[in-house]
Amino acid sequence: MRPTLALFGFCLLVFVASAASQEQKAAAHNQKTSSEKSGSANDPLFVKVLPSDDSGSRAKEEKADREAKRESDQKLTEYTGQLAAYTERLANYTKLLIGVGIVQCLIFVLQLWAFAFQGMQLKRSVKVAETALTDLERPFIFADVREPVFEGVVITHGGQVSINFSRTMATVYINFVNHGKTPAILTELRVDDPAVKPSTDAFPNPIDPLTEVGDPLPEGMAVASGGTHRFAVEFLVARHDLLLDWIFFVGFLRYRDIFRKKHITGFCMRYDKSSNRLFLIGDQRYNYTRDE
């Protein structure tokens, strides 16, 4: 029994000594390794990088990345140049559009001017047409005497004239004929009966309708187209010598048309005792027809 216990104790002692020896070796190894990693002034540290097994594939990937980046940079440069060219073209097109807009504005202004001019021309044409219509359709009044003037004048076959008035006032009838196409509304009449001594240039003074006025006529007195209106004028016989003097009837007649435009007709007539009639005589100072 004792030899057995002695053997077991010997084995345990050997095992403990072996374990202690192993621990000392491990500690010495760890210290050496630490000193090798950190290095020293006398024994510097050198690190050798050993290539890994995937370095070739990684180099290929890096090369491919560089190629892709270079291609991308080239495309970016190309696209940047194209963008600059397109920007320049866009600027030119913008300038062109601005020029076209200015031209369109000028054309628009010209069109407005043309429309305004056409409007003026149309207005003028309408006015001309209206004037032409009113001128063509307006009434035209003229004096016309075709009847004996004085009832108390007797003319013999030998040309002798005798006067036998039963009263001091005689009535002279003056006719006014409308030769226009529309009715005339008579508004004012002026008749004077001056007498002058016979001579080659014997005429009474003309009557200026701008400064002289006549007798107003009743409202609604009208002469239809082609019609005649007869005025009775009182003549003072005692004022004149019908056998020696030249008797004139001078005046004017104012009237308006259906377009409310005003007109005037002037007249000058001289009495002819050999025919007991009146006949027109004188220039445009006496005989006229015009608008007012």
Foldseek 3Di string as FASTA:
>chain_A
DVVVVVVVVVVVVVVVVVVVVVVVVVVVVVVVVVCQVCDDPVGRHDDDDDDDPCPVVVVVVVVVVVVVVVVVVVVVVVVVVVVVVVVVVVVVVVVVVVVVVVVVVVVVVVVVVVVVVVVVVVVVVVVVVVVVVCVQQPWDKDKDWDDFFFPQWDADPVLDIDGDDPDQKTKGKIKIWIQGNAKKWWFWKAKDKDKDFDDPPDDDDFDDPVPDGGHTDDGPDMAGHGGMDMDIDIDGNVVDDVVGIKIKIWIKIWIATPVRWIKMFFFMWIADSSVNIIDTDDDPSGGDIDTD
